[in-house]
Amino acid sequence: MHERLRRAIVAGRFRNGERLNERSLADMLGVSTTPVKDAIRMLESEGLVRTEARRGVFVEFSARQALEMALGRAALESVMTHIAANRIADGEIVEMSRLIDEMAHATAHGDLEDLVNLNEAYHGMIHRISGCSYLERRLDGQRMYDHAQRIALLGEPSERARGFEEHRGIFEALRTREPARAEQRMRSHIVRSAKSHVRQVFGADAEGLDYDE
């Protein structure tokens, strides 16, 4: 239930500021109000909804918030990628090369579930290679948002192809152990993907938050 509602918010099916009615959601999803209440509490802890006394629950997901979250992730994960390029071992290069081959196959066949799982395995491998457990914990707070964003984005064929090419480019910088290039490519990939998601969901860029890569 929590995952279904999160995906709906991140995909733009509920708009920023829209009031969520627990009974209507329960009827729509064919459940009692108890799991809906539990899901809303979890969404509130993630910053995707807010509760106002005597008024109700409202969606709290704007273009600006989506891009801010991505910029935070880009700052952390690009540094982790830089460090990973300095640390990556020959065996890890082989392992990552196999993963890239699997991603190429899933991209060609448009298998969304495989693509999402492989995408997360790819980023997780870079985190592991970097050894930056503290930074990884900082990313954990928005992991579920990142998962929902990937599902929304990778449903688009053009995004699948472009995302794969960017992942392959990051891997090449890791394989040749070029930290600065790996860092820059990861940052560009995350920011560009986030801007695509913002345009997909909100139909416009995040006003008042200019950031060019």
N, C-alpha and C. Protein backbone atom coordinates (compact mmCIF):
# COMPACT_ATOMS: atom_id res chain seq x y z
N MET A 1 0.82 -1.20 0.00
CA MET A 1 0.00 0.00 0.00
C MET A 1 0.86 1.26 0.00
N HIS A 2 1.81 1.28 0.90
CA HIS A 2 2.74 2.41 0.98
C HIS A 2 3.45 2.61 -0.35
N GLU A 3 3.95 1.51 -0.92
CA GLU A 3 4.68 1.59 -2.18
C GLU A 3 3.77 2.06 -3.31
N ARG A 4 2.54 1.58 -3.34
CA ARG A 4 1.61 1.98 -4.40
C ARG A 4 1.31 3.47 -4.34
N LEU A 5 1.08 3.98 -3.14
CA LEU A 5 0.79 5.40 -3.01
C LEU A 5 2.02 6.25 -3.32
N ARG A 6 3.18 5.79 -2.90
CA ARG A 6 4.40 6.53 -3.19
C ARG A 6 4.62 6.63 -4.70
N ARG A 7 4.46 5.52 -5.38
CA ARG A 7 4.62 5.53 -6.84
C ARG A 7 3.64 6.49 -7.50
N ALA A 8 2.40 6.49 -7.00
CA ALA A 8 1.39 7.37 -7.58
C ALA A 8 1.76 8.84 -7.40
N ILE A 9 2.30 9.19 -6.24
CA ILE A 9 2.70 10.58 -5.99
C ILE A 9 3.89 10.95 -6.87
N VAL A 10 4.91 10.11 -6.88
CA VAL A 10 6.12 10.41 -7.65
C VAL A 10 5.82 10.44 -9.14
N ALA A 11 4.85 9.64 -9.60
CA ALA A 11 4.49 9.63 -11.02
C ALA A 11 3.55 10.77 -11.38
N GLY A 12 3.12 11.56 -10.39
CA GLY A 12 2.29 12.73 -10.67
C GLY A 12 0.80 12.46 -10.73
N ARG A 13 0.35 11.28 -10.28
CA ARG A 13 -1.08 10.99 -10.32
C ARG A 13 -1.85 11.76 -9.23
N PHE A 14 -1.13 12.15 -8.20
CA PHE A 14 -1.67 13.09 -7.21
C PHE A 14 -0.81 14.35 -7.29
N ARG A 15 -1.43 15.49 -7.38
CA ARG A 15 -0.69 16.73 -7.60
C ARG A 15 -0.27 17.36 -6.27
N ASN A 16 0.76 18.19 -6.35
CA ASN A 16 1.23 18.91 -5.17
C ASN A 16 0.10 19.75 -4.59
N GLY A 17 -0.14 19.62 -3.28
CA GLY A 17 -1.20 20.36 -2.62
C GLY A 17 -2.55 19.68 -2.63
N GLU A 18 -2.68 18.57 -3.36
CA GLU A 18 -3.96 17.86 -3.43
C GLU A 18 -4.27 17.19 -2.09
N ARG A 19 -5.53 17.29 -1.68
CA ARG A 19 -5.95 16.65 -0.42
C ARG A 19 -6.22 15.17 -0.66
N LEU A 20 -5.69 14.34 0.23
CA LEU A 20 -5.91 12.90 0.14
C LEU A 20 -6.98 12.48 1.14
N ASN A 21 -8.02 11.86 0.65
CA ASN A 21 -9.10 11.39 1.50
C ASN A 21 -8.89 9.90 1.78
N GLU A 22 -8.72 9.57 3.05
CA GLU A 22 -8.40 8.18 3.42
C GLU A 22 -9.48 7.21 2.97
N ARG A 23 -10.75 7.56 3.16
CA ARG A 23 -11.83 6.66 2.77
C ARG A 23 -11.87 6.47 1.26
N SER A 24 -11.69 7.55 0.50
CA SER A 24 -11.70 7.43 -0.96
C SER A 24 -10.55 6.57 -1.45
N LEU A 25 -9.37 6.75 -0.84
CA LEU A 25 -8.22 5.94 -1.22
C LEU A 25 -8.46 4.47 -0.90
N ALA A 26 -9.04 4.21 0.28
CA ALA A 26 -9.31 2.83 0.67
C ALA A 26 -10.30 2.17 -0.29
N ASP A 27 -11.35 2.91 -0.68
CA ASP A 27 -12.33 2.37 -1.62
C ASP A 27 -11.69 2.12 -2.99
N MET A 28 -10.87 3.06 -3.42
CA MET A 28 -10.22 2.94 -4.73
C MET A 28 -9.28 1.75 -4.78
N LEU A 29 -8.60 1.49 -3.66
CA LEU A 29 -7.60 0.42 -3.62
C LEU A 29 -8.16 -0.90 -3.09
N GLY A 30 -9.43 -0.88 -2.67
CA GLY A 30 -10.06 -2.11 -2.21
C GLY A 30 -9.55 -2.62 -0.88
N VAL A 31 -9.25 -1.70 0.03
CA VAL A 31 -8.73 -2.09 1.35
C VAL A 31 -9.48 -1.30 2.42
N SER A 32 -9.20 -1.63 3.68
CA SER A 32 -9.76 -0.85 4.78
C SER A 32 -8.94 0.43 4.94
N THR A 33 -9.38 1.31 5.82
CA THR A 33 -8.64 2.55 6.01
C THR A 33 -7.37 2.35 6.84
N THR A 34 -7.26 1.23 7.56
CA THR A 34 -6.09 1.02 8.42
C THR A 34 -4.78 1.00 7.63
N PRO A 35 -4.63 0.19 6.56
CA PRO A 35 -3.38 0.24 5.81
C PRO A 35 -3.14 1.58 5.13
N VAL A 36 -4.22 2.28 4.78
CA VAL A 36 -4.07 3.61 4.18
C VAL A 36 -3.49 4.57 5.21
N LYS A 37 -4.00 4.53 6.43
CA LYS A 37 -3.47 5.39 7.50
C LYS A 37 -1.99 5.09 7.75
N ASP A 38 -1.65 3.80 7.77
CA ASP A 38 -0.25 3.41 7.99
C ASP A 38 0.64 3.92 6.86
N ALA A 39 0.14 3.79 5.63
CA ALA A 39 0.92 4.25 4.47
C ALA A 39 1.13 5.75 4.51
N ILE A 40 0.09 6.48 4.91
CA ILE A 40 0.19 7.94 4.98
C ILE A 40 1.22 8.36 6.02
N ARG A 41 1.26 7.66 7.15
CA ARG A 41 2.27 7.98 8.17
C ARG A 41 3.68 7.78 7.60
N MET A 42 3.88 6.72 6.84
CA MET A 42 5.19 6.47 6.24
C MET A 42 5.52 7.52 5.19
N LEU A 43 4.54 7.90 4.39
CA LEU A 43 4.76 8.94 3.38
C LEU A 43 5.11 10.27 4.03
N GLU A 44 4.48 10.55 5.18
CA GLU A 44 4.78 11.79 5.89
C GLU A 44 6.22 11.78 6.40
N SER A 45 6.69 10.63 6.87
CA SER A 45 8.07 10.54 7.35
C SER A 45 9.07 10.72 6.21
N GLU A 46 8.63 10.44 4.99
CA GLU A 46 9.49 10.61 3.80
C GLU A 46 9.38 12.01 3.21
N GLY A 47 8.46 12.82 3.74
CA GLY A 47 8.30 14.18 3.25
C GLY A 47 7.44 14.29 2.00
N LEU A 48 6.67 13.25 1.68
CA LEU A 48 5.85 13.28 0.47
C LEU A 48 4.41 13.73 0.73
N VAL A 49 3.99 13.75 1.99
CA VAL A 49 2.69 14.32 2.35
C VAL A 49 2.86 15.10 3.65
N ARG A 50 1.87 15.96 3.94
CA ARG A 50 1.87 16.68 5.22
C ARG A 50 0.46 16.60 5.80
N THR A 51 0.39 16.57 7.10
CA THR A 51 -0.90 16.54 7.79
C THR A 51 -1.15 17.88 8.45
N GLU A 52 -2.32 18.46 8.20
CA GLU A 52 -2.70 19.72 8.81
C GLU A 52 -3.89 19.47 9.74
N ALA A 53 -3.77 19.92 10.96
CA ALA A 53 -4.83 19.70 11.96
C ALA A 53 -6.16 20.26 11.46
N ARG A 54 -7.20 19.43 11.57
CA ARG A 54 -8.58 19.78 11.21
C ARG A 54 -8.77 20.07 9.72
N ARG A 55 -7.72 19.84 8.93
CA ARG A 55 -7.87 20.05 7.48
C ARG A 55 -7.64 18.77 6.70
N GLY A 56 -6.71 17.93 7.15
CA GLY A 56 -6.50 16.68 6.44
C GLY A 56 -5.06 16.48 6.00
N VAL A 57 -4.90 15.57 5.05
CA VAL A 57 -3.58 15.18 4.54
C VAL A 57 -3.44 15.71 3.12
N PHE A 58 -2.28 16.32 2.84
CA PHE A 58 -2.05 16.93 1.54
C PHE A 58 -0.73 16.43 0.94
N VAL A 59 -0.74 16.28 -0.38
CA VAL A 59 0.48 15.88 -1.09
C VAL A 59 1.50 16.99 -0.99
N GLU A 60 2.74 16.62 -0.72
CA GLU A 60 3.84 17.57 -0.58
C GLU A 60 4.96 17.12 -1.52
N PHE A 61 4.72 17.29 -2.81
CA PHE A 61 5.72 16.86 -3.79
C PHE A 61 5.69 17.82 -4.97
N SER A 62 6.63 18.75 -4.97
CA SER A 62 6.69 19.78 -6.00
C SER A 62 7.88 19.55 -6.91
N ALA A 63 7.91 20.27 -8.02
CA ALA A 63 9.05 20.18 -8.94
C ALA A 63 10.33 20.57 -8.21
N ARG A 64 10.25 21.61 -7.40
CA ARG A 64 11.44 22.06 -6.68
C ARG A 64 11.93 21.00 -5.70
N GLN A 65 11.00 20.39 -4.96
CA GLN A 65 11.39 19.37 -4.00
C GLN A 65 12.04 18.18 -4.70
N ALA A 66 11.46 17.76 -5.83
CA ALA A 66 12.02 16.62 -6.57
C ALA A 66 13.44 16.91 -7.01
N LEU A 67 13.68 18.13 -7.52
CA LEU A 67 15.02 18.46 -7.99
C LEU A 67 15.99 18.64 -6.82
N GLU A 68 15.51 19.21 -5.72
CA GLU A 68 16.38 19.34 -4.54
C GLU A 68 16.86 17.97 -4.06
N MET A 69 15.97 17.00 -4.04
CA MET A 69 16.34 15.66 -3.62
C MET A 69 17.39 15.08 -4.55
N ALA A 70 17.22 15.31 -5.84
CA ALA A 70 18.19 14.79 -6.82
C ALA A 70 19.54 15.48 -6.68
N LEU A 71 19.54 16.78 -6.42
CA LEU A 71 20.81 17.49 -6.27
C LEU A 71 21.57 16.98 -5.05
N GLY A 72 20.83 16.68 -3.97
CA GLY A 72 21.48 16.09 -2.80
C GLY A 72 22.09 14.74 -3.13
N ARG A 73 21.33 13.92 -3.84
CA ARG A 73 21.85 12.61 -4.24
C ARG A 73 23.05 12.77 -5.17
N ALA A 74 22.97 13.70 -6.11
CA ALA A 74 24.07 13.90 -7.06
C ALA A 74 25.35 14.30 -6.34
N ALA A 75 25.23 15.17 -5.34
CA ALA A 75 26.41 15.62 -4.60
C ALA A 75 27.09 14.46 -3.90
N LEU A 76 26.30 13.60 -3.26
CA LEU A 76 26.88 12.48 -2.52
C LEU A 76 27.38 11.38 -3.44
N GLU A 77 26.53 10.98 -4.39
CA GLU A 77 26.89 9.82 -5.20
C GLU A 77 28.01 10.12 -6.18
N SER A 78 28.14 11.35 -6.64
CA SER A 78 29.25 11.68 -7.53
C SER A 78 30.58 11.57 -6.79
N VAL A 79 30.61 11.99 -5.53
CA VAL A 79 31.82 11.84 -4.72
C VAL A 79 32.14 10.36 -4.50
N MET A 80 31.12 9.56 -4.23
CA MET A 80 31.33 8.13 -4.05
C MET A 80 31.88 7.49 -5.33
N THR A 81 31.42 7.97 -6.48
CA THR A 81 31.90 7.44 -7.75
C THR A 81 33.36 7.82 -7.98
N HIS A 82 33.73 9.04 -7.59
CA HIS A 82 35.13 9.47 -7.67
C HIS A 82 36.01 8.53 -6.84
N ILE A 83 35.59 8.27 -5.62
CA ILE A 83 36.36 7.40 -4.73
C ILE A 83 36.40 5.97 -5.28
N ALA A 84 35.26 5.51 -5.83
CA ALA A 84 35.22 4.16 -6.39
C ALA A 84 36.20 4.00 -7.54
N ALA A 85 36.38 5.05 -8.35
CA ALA A 85 37.33 4.98 -9.47
C ALA A 85 38.76 4.82 -8.97
N ASN A 86 39.05 5.32 -7.80
CA ASN A 86 40.38 5.16 -7.21
C ASN A 86 40.56 3.79 -6.56
N ARG A 87 39.46 3.16 -6.17
CA ARG A 87 39.53 1.93 -5.39
C ARG A 87 39.22 0.66 -6.19
N ILE A 88 38.60 0.80 -7.34
CA ILE A 88 38.06 -0.36 -8.04
C ILE A 88 39.15 -1.38 -8.38
N ALA A 89 38.88 -2.64 -8.09
CA ALA A 89 39.83 -3.73 -8.35
C ALA A 89 39.51 -4.39 -9.69
N ASP A 90 40.46 -5.12 -10.22
CA ASP A 90 40.27 -5.77 -11.52
C ASP A 90 39.04 -6.69 -11.50
N GLY A 91 38.88 -7.45 -10.41
CA GLY A 91 37.73 -8.34 -10.32
C GLY A 91 36.41 -7.60 -10.32
N GLU A 92 36.39 -6.42 -9.72
CA GLU A 92 35.17 -5.61 -9.69
C GLU A 92 34.87 -5.03 -11.06
N ILE A 93 35.90 -4.74 -11.83
CA ILE A 93 35.69 -4.28 -13.20
C ILE A 93 35.03 -5.38 -14.02
N VAL A 94 35.50 -6.61 -13.86
CA VAL A 94 34.90 -7.75 -14.57
C VAL A 94 33.44 -7.92 -14.14
N GLU A 95 33.20 -7.83 -12.85
CA GLU A 95 31.83 -7.97 -12.32
C GLU A 95 30.92 -6.89 -12.87
N MET A 96 31.43 -5.67 -12.91
CA MET A 96 30.61 -4.56 -13.40
C MET A 96 30.39 -4.66 -14.91
N SER A 97 31.37 -5.18 -15.63
CA SER A 97 31.22 -5.36 -17.07
C SER A 97 30.08 -6.34 -17.37
N ARG A 98 29.98 -7.39 -16.57
CA ARG A 98 28.89 -8.35 -16.75
C ARG A 98 27.54 -7.69 -16.49
N LEU A 99 27.51 -6.83 -15.48
CA LEU A 99 26.27 -6.13 -15.16
C LEU A 99 25.87 -5.20 -16.31
N ILE A 100 26.84 -4.53 -16.91
CA ILE A 100 26.56 -3.67 -18.06
C ILE A 100 25.98 -4.48 -19.20
N ASP A 101 26.50 -5.68 -19.44
CA ASP A 101 25.97 -6.55 -20.49
C ASP A 101 24.51 -6.91 -20.20
N GLU A 102 24.20 -7.20 -18.95
CA GLU A 102 22.82 -7.52 -18.57
C GLU A 102 21.92 -6.30 -18.77
N MET A 103 22.43 -5.12 -18.44
CA MET A 103 21.65 -3.90 -18.63
C MET A 103 21.39 -3.64 -20.10
N ALA A 104 22.38 -3.92 -20.95
CA ALA A 104 22.21 -3.75 -22.39
C ALA A 104 21.09 -4.65 -22.91
N HIS A 105 21.08 -5.89 -22.43
CA HIS A 105 20.05 -6.85 -22.85
C HIS A 105 18.67 -6.40 -22.39
N ALA A 106 18.55 -5.99 -21.14
CA ALA A 106 17.26 -5.54 -20.61
C ALA A 106 16.78 -4.28 -21.31
N THR A 107 17.71 -3.39 -21.66
CA THR A 107 17.35 -2.16 -22.37
C THR A 107 16.80 -2.49 -23.75
N ALA A 108 17.47 -3.41 -24.44
CA ALA A 108 17.05 -3.79 -25.79
C ALA A 108 15.67 -4.45 -25.79
N HIS A 109 15.36 -5.18 -24.72
CA HIS A 109 14.10 -5.92 -24.66
C HIS A 109 13.00 -5.18 -23.89
N GLY A 110 13.34 -4.03 -23.32
CA GLY A 110 12.34 -3.21 -22.64
C GLY A 110 11.72 -3.86 -21.43
N ASP A 111 12.49 -4.69 -20.72
CA ASP A 111 11.98 -5.36 -19.52
C ASP A 111 12.10 -4.41 -18.33
N LEU A 112 10.99 -3.77 -17.96
CA LEU A 112 11.03 -2.71 -16.95
C LEU A 112 11.48 -3.22 -15.59
N GLU A 113 10.95 -4.36 -15.16
CA GLU A 113 11.33 -4.87 -13.84
C GLU A 113 12.82 -5.18 -13.77
N ASP A 114 13.34 -5.85 -14.81
CA ASP A 114 14.77 -6.14 -14.84
C ASP A 114 15.59 -4.86 -14.88
N LEU A 115 15.14 -3.89 -15.67
CA LEU A 115 15.88 -2.63 -15.79
C LEU A 115 15.99 -1.92 -14.44
N VAL A 116 14.89 -1.86 -13.72
CA VAL A 116 14.90 -1.19 -12.41
C VAL A 116 15.84 -1.92 -11.46
N ASN A 117 15.73 -3.25 -11.42
CA ASN A 117 16.58 -4.04 -10.51
C ASN A 117 18.06 -3.91 -10.88
N LEU A 118 18.37 -3.96 -12.17
CA LEU A 118 19.76 -3.84 -12.61
C LEU A 118 20.30 -2.44 -12.37
N ASN A 119 19.45 -1.44 -12.58
CA ASN A 119 19.84 -0.05 -12.32
C ASN A 119 20.24 0.12 -10.86
N GLU A 120 19.44 -0.43 -9.97
CA GLU A 120 19.73 -0.30 -8.55
C GLU A 120 20.96 -1.12 -8.16
N ALA A 121 21.15 -2.28 -8.81
CA ALA A 121 22.34 -3.08 -8.55
C ALA A 121 23.60 -2.34 -9.00
N TYR A 122 23.50 -1.62 -10.12
CA TYR A 122 24.62 -0.85 -10.66
C TYR A 122 25.06 0.23 -9.68
N HIS A 123 24.09 1.03 -9.24
CA HIS A 123 24.43 2.10 -8.30
C HIS A 123 24.90 1.52 -6.97
N GLY A 124 24.26 0.43 -6.54
CA GLY A 124 24.68 -0.21 -5.30
C GLY A 124 26.10 -0.74 -5.36
N MET A 125 26.51 -1.23 -6.53
CA MET A 125 27.87 -1.74 -6.69
C MET A 125 28.88 -0.61 -6.55
N ILE A 126 28.57 0.54 -7.13
CA ILE A 126 29.46 1.70 -7.01
C ILE A 126 29.57 2.12 -5.54
N HIS A 127 28.45 2.13 -4.85
CA HIS A 127 28.47 2.47 -3.42
C HIS A 127 29.38 1.51 -2.66
N ARG A 128 29.22 0.22 -2.95
CA ARG A 128 30.02 -0.79 -2.25
C ARG A 128 31.51 -0.63 -2.54
N ILE A 129 31.84 -0.41 -3.80
CA ILE A 129 33.25 -0.27 -4.18
C ILE A 129 33.86 0.95 -3.50
N SER A 130 33.08 2.03 -3.37
CA SER A 130 33.61 3.25 -2.76
C SER A 130 33.96 3.03 -1.29
N GLY A 131 33.24 2.13 -0.63
CA GLY A 131 33.48 1.90 0.80
C GLY A 131 32.98 3.02 1.69
N CYS A 132 32.17 3.92 1.13
CA CYS A 132 31.70 5.09 1.89
C CYS A 132 30.38 4.77 2.59
N SER A 133 30.44 4.01 3.65
CA SER A 133 29.22 3.57 4.33
C SER A 133 28.46 4.74 4.94
N TYR A 134 29.16 5.76 5.41
CA TYR A 134 28.47 6.92 5.99
C TYR A 134 27.66 7.64 4.92
N LEU A 135 28.27 7.89 3.76
CA LEU A 135 27.55 8.57 2.68
C LEU A 135 26.38 7.72 2.20
N GLU A 136 26.58 6.41 2.16
CA GLU A 136 25.50 5.53 1.72
C GLU A 136 24.31 5.62 2.67
N ARG A 137 24.57 5.72 3.96
CA ARG A 137 23.47 5.87 4.92
C ARG A 137 22.72 7.17 4.71
N ARG A 138 23.44 8.21 4.29
CA ARG A 138 22.78 9.48 4.02
C ARG A 138 21.82 9.36 2.83
N LEU A 139 22.16 8.47 1.90
CA LEU A 139 21.30 8.25 0.73
C LEU A 139 20.10 7.37 1.05
N ASP A 140 20.20 6.60 2.11
CA ASP A 140 19.14 5.64 2.44
C ASP A 140 17.79 6.32 2.66
N GLY A 141 17.82 7.55 3.16
CA GLY A 141 16.58 8.25 3.46
C GLY A 141 15.69 8.49 2.26
N GLN A 142 16.27 8.54 1.07
CA GLN A 142 15.45 8.77 -0.11
C GLN A 142 15.50 7.59 -1.09
N ARG A 143 15.94 6.44 -0.60
CA ARG A 143 16.06 5.27 -1.48
C ARG A 143 14.71 4.89 -2.10
N MET A 144 13.64 4.98 -1.31
CA MET A 144 12.33 4.60 -1.84
C MET A 144 11.85 5.58 -2.89
N TYR A 145 12.18 6.87 -2.69
CA TYR A 145 11.83 7.85 -3.72
C TYR A 145 12.61 7.55 -5.00
N ASP A 146 13.90 7.25 -4.88
CA ASP A 146 14.72 6.94 -6.05
C ASP A 146 14.15 5.75 -6.80
N HIS A 147 13.68 4.74 -6.06
CA HIS A 147 13.11 3.55 -6.67
C HIS A 147 11.86 3.91 -7.48
N ALA A 148 10.98 4.71 -6.90
CA ALA A 148 9.76 5.11 -7.59
C ALA A 148 10.08 5.97 -8.81
N GLN A 149 11.08 6.84 -8.68
CA GLN A 149 11.47 7.68 -9.81
C GLN A 149 11.99 6.83 -10.97
N ARG A 150 12.78 5.80 -10.65
CA ARG A 150 13.31 4.94 -11.70
C ARG A 150 12.18 4.23 -12.46
N ILE A 151 11.19 3.77 -11.72
CA ILE A 151 10.06 3.09 -12.37
C ILE A 151 9.36 4.05 -13.33
N ALA A 152 9.15 5.29 -12.88
CA ALA A 152 8.48 6.27 -13.73
C ALA A 152 9.31 6.60 -14.97
N LEU A 153 10.61 6.81 -14.79
CA LEU A 153 11.47 7.21 -15.90
C LEU A 153 11.71 6.08 -16.89
N LEU A 154 12.01 4.89 -16.37
CA LEU A 154 12.39 3.79 -17.25
C LEU A 154 11.22 3.22 -18.03
N GLY A 155 10.02 3.71 -17.75
CA GLY A 155 8.88 3.34 -18.58
C GLY A 155 8.92 4.02 -19.94
N GLU A 156 9.80 5.01 -20.11
CA GLU A 156 9.93 5.74 -21.37
C GLU A 156 11.08 5.16 -22.19
N PRO A 157 10.82 4.65 -23.41
CA PRO A 157 11.89 4.03 -24.22
C PRO A 157 13.10 4.94 -24.45
N SER A 158 12.87 6.22 -24.71
CA SER A 158 13.99 7.12 -24.97
C SER A 158 14.85 7.30 -23.72
N GLU A 159 14.20 7.31 -22.57
CA GLU A 159 14.94 7.45 -21.31
C GLU A 159 15.74 6.19 -21.02
N ARG A 160 15.18 5.04 -21.34
CA ARG A 160 15.91 3.78 -21.13
C ARG A 160 17.21 3.79 -21.91
N ALA A 161 17.14 4.18 -23.18
CA ALA A 161 18.33 4.17 -24.03
C ALA A 161 19.35 5.19 -23.56
N ARG A 162 18.89 6.38 -23.26
CA ARG A 162 19.82 7.43 -22.84
C ARG A 162 20.45 7.09 -21.49
N GLY A 163 19.63 6.60 -20.57
CA GLY A 163 20.15 6.22 -19.27
C GLY A 163 21.21 5.13 -19.36
N PHE A 164 20.97 4.15 -20.25
CA PHE A 164 21.95 3.08 -20.39
C PHE A 164 23.28 3.62 -20.93
N GLU A 165 23.23 4.51 -21.91
CA GLU A 165 24.47 5.07 -22.46
C GLU A 165 25.23 5.84 -21.38
N GLU A 166 24.50 6.53 -20.52
CA GLU A 166 25.17 7.26 -19.43
C GLU A 166 25.79 6.29 -18.44
N HIS A 167 25.08 5.22 -18.12
CA HIS A 167 25.65 4.21 -17.22
C HIS A 167 26.90 3.58 -17.82
N ARG A 168 26.86 3.32 -19.11
CA ARG A 168 28.04 2.74 -19.75
C ARG A 168 29.21 3.73 -19.73
N GLY A 169 28.92 5.01 -19.92
CA GLY A 169 29.97 6.02 -19.88
C GLY A 169 30.61 6.14 -18.50
N ILE A 170 29.79 6.05 -17.47
CA ILE A 170 30.33 6.08 -16.10
C ILE A 170 31.22 4.87 -15.87
N PHE A 171 30.75 3.70 -16.33
CA PHE A 171 31.55 2.48 -16.17
C PHE A 171 32.89 2.61 -16.88
N GLU A 172 32.91 3.20 -18.07
CA GLU A 172 34.17 3.35 -18.80
C GLU A 172 35.16 4.20 -18.01
N ALA A 173 34.66 5.24 -17.36
CA ALA A 173 35.54 6.08 -16.54
C ALA A 173 36.03 5.32 -15.30
N LEU A 174 35.19 4.44 -14.77
CA LEU A 174 35.62 3.60 -13.65
C LEU A 174 36.65 2.57 -14.12
N ARG A 175 36.37 1.96 -15.28
CA ARG A 175 37.26 0.91 -15.81
C ARG A 175 38.65 1.45 -16.07
N THR A 176 38.73 2.68 -16.58
CA THR A 176 40.03 3.29 -16.88
C THR A 176 40.58 4.08 -15.69
N ARG A 177 39.85 4.01 -14.58
CA ARG A 177 40.28 4.63 -13.32
C ARG A 177 40.56 6.13 -13.49
N GLU A 178 39.52 6.83 -13.98
CA GLU A 178 39.58 8.29 -14.15
C GLU A 178 38.58 8.92 -13.17
N PRO A 179 39.00 9.22 -11.95
CA PRO A 179 38.08 9.68 -10.90
C PRO A 179 37.29 10.93 -11.26
N ALA A 180 37.97 11.95 -11.79
CA ALA A 180 37.27 13.21 -12.08
C ALA A 180 36.20 13.01 -13.14
N ARG A 181 36.53 12.24 -14.16
CA ARG A 181 35.56 11.99 -15.23
C ARG A 181 34.39 11.15 -14.72
N ALA A 182 34.68 10.14 -13.91
CA ALA A 182 33.62 9.31 -13.34
C ALA A 182 32.68 10.15 -12.48
N GLU A 183 33.25 11.03 -11.67
CA GLU A 183 32.44 11.90 -10.81
C GLU A 183 31.54 12.80 -11.63
N GLN A 184 32.13 13.45 -12.65
CA GLN A 184 31.36 14.38 -13.47
C GLN A 184 30.23 13.67 -14.22
N ARG A 185 30.52 12.48 -14.74
CA ARG A 185 29.49 11.75 -15.49
C ARG A 185 28.36 11.29 -14.59
N MET A 186 28.68 10.87 -13.39
CA MET A 186 27.61 10.47 -12.46
C MET A 186 26.75 11.67 -12.08
N ARG A 187 27.38 12.79 -11.77
CA ARG A 187 26.61 13.98 -11.40
C ARG A 187 25.70 14.41 -12.55
N SER A 188 26.25 14.43 -13.76
CA SER A 188 25.45 14.83 -14.93
C SER A 188 24.28 13.88 -15.15
N HIS A 189 24.54 12.59 -14.98
CA HIS A 189 23.49 11.58 -15.18
C HIS A 189 22.34 11.77 -14.20
N ILE A 190 22.67 11.96 -12.93
CA ILE A 190 21.62 12.10 -11.92
C ILE A 190 20.82 13.38 -12.13
N VAL A 191 21.51 14.48 -12.41
CA VAL A 191 20.82 15.77 -12.59
C VAL A 191 19.95 15.74 -13.84
N ARG A 192 20.48 15.20 -14.94
CA ARG A 192 19.69 15.15 -16.17
C ARG A 192 18.46 14.27 -16.00
N SER A 193 18.64 13.11 -15.36
CA SER A 193 17.51 12.21 -15.12
C SER A 193 16.44 12.89 -14.27
N ALA A 194 16.89 13.62 -13.25
CA ALA A 194 15.93 14.30 -12.37
C ALA A 194 15.16 15.37 -13.13
N LYS A 195 15.84 16.12 -13.98
CA LYS A 195 15.15 17.15 -14.76
C LYS A 195 14.14 16.51 -15.71
N SER A 196 14.48 15.37 -16.28
CA SER A 196 13.54 14.65 -17.15
C SER A 196 12.32 14.22 -16.37
N HIS A 197 12.56 13.74 -15.15
CA HIS A 197 11.44 13.30 -14.31
C HIS A 197 10.56 14.47 -13.92
N VAL A 198 11.16 15.59 -13.59
CA VAL A 198 10.39 16.79 -13.23
C VAL A 198 9.51 17.22 -14.40
N ARG A 199 10.08 17.24 -15.61
CA ARG A 199 9.29 17.62 -16.78
C ARG A 199 8.19 16.60 -17.06
N GLN A 200 8.49 15.32 -16.84
CA GLN A 200 7.50 14.27 -17.06
C GLN A 200 6.31 14.41 -16.12
N VAL A 201 6.59 14.70 -14.87
CA VAL A 201 5.54 14.76 -13.85
C VAL A 201 4.84 16.11 -13.81
N PHE A 202 5.61 17.19 -13.90
CA PHE A 202 5.05 18.52 -13.68
C PHE A 202 4.87 19.31 -14.98
N GLY A 203 5.43 18.82 -16.07
CA GLY A 203 5.29 19.50 -17.35
C GLY A 203 6.08 20.78 -17.45
N ALA A 204 7.02 20.98 -16.53
CA ALA A 204 7.84 22.20 -16.53
C ALA A 204 9.06 21.97 -15.68
N ASP A 205 10.02 22.88 -15.79
CA ASP A 205 11.21 22.80 -14.96
C ASP A 205 10.88 23.30 -13.55
N ALA A 206 11.81 23.05 -12.63
CA ALA A 206 11.62 23.50 -11.25
C ALA A 206 11.92 25.00 -11.18
N GLU A 207 10.89 25.80 -11.05
CA GLU A 207 11.06 27.25 -11.06
C GLU A 207 11.87 27.72 -9.87
N GLY A 208 12.77 28.65 -10.11
CA GLY A 208 13.56 29.24 -9.04
C GLY A 208 14.69 28.38 -8.55
N LEU A 209 14.96 27.27 -9.26
CA LEU A 209 16.04 26.39 -8.83
C LEU A 209 16.84 26.00 -10.08
N ASP A 210 17.69 26.91 -10.51
CA ASP A 210 18.47 26.68 -11.72
C ASP A 210 19.76 25.96 -11.36
N TYR A 211 20.02 24.88 -12.07
CA TYR A 211 21.27 24.15 -11.88
C TYR A 211 21.60 23.48 -13.19
N ASP A 212 22.70 23.89 -13.78
CA ASP A 212 23.10 23.35 -15.08
C ASP A 212 24.32 22.48 -14.92
N GLU A 213 24.31 21.35 -15.64
CA GLU A 213 25.45 20.44 -15.65
C GLU A 213 26.08 20.44 -17.04
